[in-house]
């Protein structure tokens, strides 16, 4: 099945024009989508779907780990790294055991982190608007 070339171009344009904050939220959305597909794969006993989608989520989590600024991030960065490391490890276990409960556990963490980042971004936007209306970050997230 060939994806719609216009849709693919639209998605690429969205990524290229997105702010760093929007990209962060899109990555969380992607990891969540991967795990929802892996969950369905476990229910359907489709090993290839399970594996490919868990690996997709692991790649995103690994990217989160690699982009943390441990020098300026202090305890927050260290705590996030520990949580990402834990989720990555749990996904390795989920992939080997094909365990939907582990996938669900990681989904809870990802959804909560996404919600927290979304709230932090909105708060930062409000503060920036209060200081300088032209500094507003585009809040549209697809």
Protein backbone atom coordinates (compact mmCIF):
# COMPACT_ATOMS: atom_id res chain seq x y z
CA UNK A 1 0.00 0.00 0.00
CA UNK A 2 1.52 3.30 -1.14
CA UNK A 3 0.90 6.22 1.21
CA UNK A 4 -0.63 9.33 -0.32
CA UNK A 5 2.32 11.43 -1.61
CA UNK A 6 0.49 14.66 -0.74
CA UNK A 7 -0.01 13.48 2.84
CA UNK A 8 3.65 12.58 3.12
CA UNK A 9 4.67 16.01 1.77
CA UNK A 10 2.27 17.71 4.20
CA UNK A 11 3.72 15.76 7.12
CA UNK A 12 7.29 16.63 6.09
CA UNK A 13 6.36 20.30 5.84
CA UNK A 14 4.79 20.17 9.30
CA UNK A 15 7.98 18.75 10.79
CA UNK A 16 10.23 21.21 8.96
CA UNK A 17 8.21 24.21 10.12
CA UNK A 18 7.52 23.02 13.67
CA UNK A 19 9.08 24.58 16.73
CA UNK A 20 11.30 22.46 18.98
CA UNK A 21 8.43 22.26 21.43
CA UNK A 22 6.05 20.97 18.77
CA UNK A 23 8.60 18.39 17.63
CA UNK A 24 8.97 17.17 21.22
CA UNK A 25 5.21 16.65 21.50
CA UNK A 26 5.10 14.99 18.07
CA UNK A 27 7.80 12.56 19.18
CA UNK A 28 5.80 11.69 22.28
CA UNK A 29 2.74 11.17 20.05
CA UNK A 30 4.81 8.94 17.78
CA UNK A 31 6.07 6.78 20.65
CA UNK A 32 2.52 6.46 21.99
CA UNK A 33 1.26 5.46 18.53
CA UNK A 34 4.03 2.88 18.17
CA UNK A 35 3.09 1.32 21.50
CA UNK A 36 -0.61 1.30 20.70
CA UNK A 37 0.24 -0.60 17.50
CA UNK A 38 2.53 -2.95 19.43
CA UNK A 39 -0.29 -3.55 21.91
CA UNK A 40 -2.59 -4.49 19.03
CA UNK A 41 0.15 -6.75 17.64
CA UNK A 42 0.35 -8.56 20.97
CA UNK A 43 -3.41 -9.09 20.95
CA UNK A 44 -3.21 -10.39 17.36
CA UNK A 45 -0.06 -12.44 18.10
CA UNK A 46 1.75 -10.71 15.23
CA UNK A 47 5.43 -10.89 16.14
CA UNK A 48 6.60 -8.60 13.34
CA UNK A 49 4.15 -5.82 14.31
CA UNK A 50 5.07 -6.17 17.97
CA UNK A 51 8.80 -6.03 17.32
CA UNK A 52 8.79 -3.21 14.75
CA UNK A 53 6.59 -0.94 16.82
CA UNK A 54 8.37 -1.53 20.12
CA UNK A 55 11.66 -0.81 18.35
CA UNK A 56 10.14 2.41 16.96
CA UNK A 57 9.18 3.53 20.47
CA UNK A 58 12.62 2.57 21.79
CA UNK A 59 14.31 4.70 19.11
CA UNK A 60 12.29 7.74 20.18
CA UNK A 61 13.03 7.13 23.86
CA UNK A 62 16.71 6.70 23.01
CA UNK A 63 16.61 10.05 21.19
CA UNK A 64 15.08 11.66 24.27
CA UNK A 65 17.94 10.23 26.35
CA UNK A 66 20.61 11.42 23.90
CA UNK A 67 19.31 14.98 23.70
CA UNK A 68 19.15 15.66 27.43
CA UNK A 69 21.58 18.37 28.50
CA UNK A 70 22.95 16.85 31.66
CA UNK A 71 25.18 19.86 32.42
CA UNK A 72 22.48 22.53 32.51
CA UNK A 73 19.51 20.24 33.19
CA UNK A 74 20.67 19.28 36.67
CA UNK A 75 18.44 16.94 38.66
CA UNK A 76 15.55 17.26 36.21
CA UNK A 77 17.70 15.94 33.35
CA UNK A 78 19.10 13.16 35.55
CA UNK A 79 15.62 12.12 36.67
CA UNK A 80 14.28 12.18 33.11
CA UNK A 81 17.25 10.12 31.94
CA UNK A 82 16.54 7.55 34.65
CA UNK A 83 12.88 7.35 33.65
CA UNK A 84 13.70 7.07 29.94
CA UNK A 85 16.28 4.37 30.72
CA UNK A 86 13.70 2.46 32.75
CA UNK A 87 11.09 2.70 29.98
CA UNK A 88 13.63 1.54 27.40
CA UNK A 89 14.54 -1.46 29.56
CA UNK A 90 10.87 -2.30 30.11
CA UNK A 91 10.26 -2.20 26.35
CA UNK A 92 13.10 -4.68 25.82
CA UNK A 93 11.29 -6.94 28.28
CA UNK A 94 7.93 -6.32 26.58
CA UNK A 95 9.42 -7.25 23.22
CA UNK A 96 10.94 -10.49 24.51
CA UNK A 97 7.93 -11.52 26.60
CA UNK A 98 5.27 -10.03 24.31
CA UNK A 99 3.69 -8.65 27.47
CA UNK A 100 0.84 -6.18 27.04
CA UNK A 101 1.01 -5.18 30.73
CA UNK A 102 4.55 -3.86 30.28
CA UNK A 103 3.54 -1.96 27.14
CA UNK A 104 0.64 -0.46 29.10
CA UNK A 105 2.99 0.56 31.92
CA UNK A 106 5.27 2.43 29.51
CA UNK A 107 2.25 3.99 27.79
CA UNK A 108 1.12 5.45 31.11
CA UNK A 109 4.55 7.04 31.63
CA UNK A 110 4.71 8.42 28.09
CA UNK A 111 1.21 9.87 28.22
CA UNK A 112 1.90 11.51 31.57
CA UNK A 113 5.20 12.97 30.36
CA UNK A 114 3.55 14.26 27.18
CA UNK A 115 0.82 15.91 29.23
CA UNK A 116 3.42 17.49 31.53
CA UNK A 117 5.48 18.83 28.62
CA UNK A 118 2.35 20.18 26.93
CA UNK A 119 1.39 22.06 30.10
CA UNK A 120 4.95 23.37 30.56
CA UNK A 121 5.04 24.63 26.96
CA UNK A 122 1.70 26.38 27.35
CA UNK A 123 2.86 27.98 30.60
CA UNK A 124 6.10 29.13 28.98
CA UNK A 125 4.09 30.59 26.08
CA UNK A 126 1.90 32.57 28.49
CA UNK A 127 4.96 33.93 30.25
CA UNK A 128 6.60 34.88 26.94
CA UNK A 129 3.44 36.63 25.74
CA UNK A 130 3.33 38.58 28.98
CA UNK A 131 6.89 39.75 28.39
CA UNK A 132 6.83 40.15 24.59
CA UNK A 133 3.79 39.34 22.42
CA UNK A 134 6.02 38.68 19.39
CA UNK A 135 7.84 35.91 21.31
CA UNK A 136 4.82 33.61 21.32
CA UNK A 137 5.56 30.03 20.31
CA UNK A 138 3.06 28.51 17.91
CA UNK A 139 0.91 26.26 20.09
CA UNK A 140 -0.68 24.33 17.22
CA UNK A 141 0.23 20.68 17.66
CA UNK A 142 -0.98 18.09 15.22
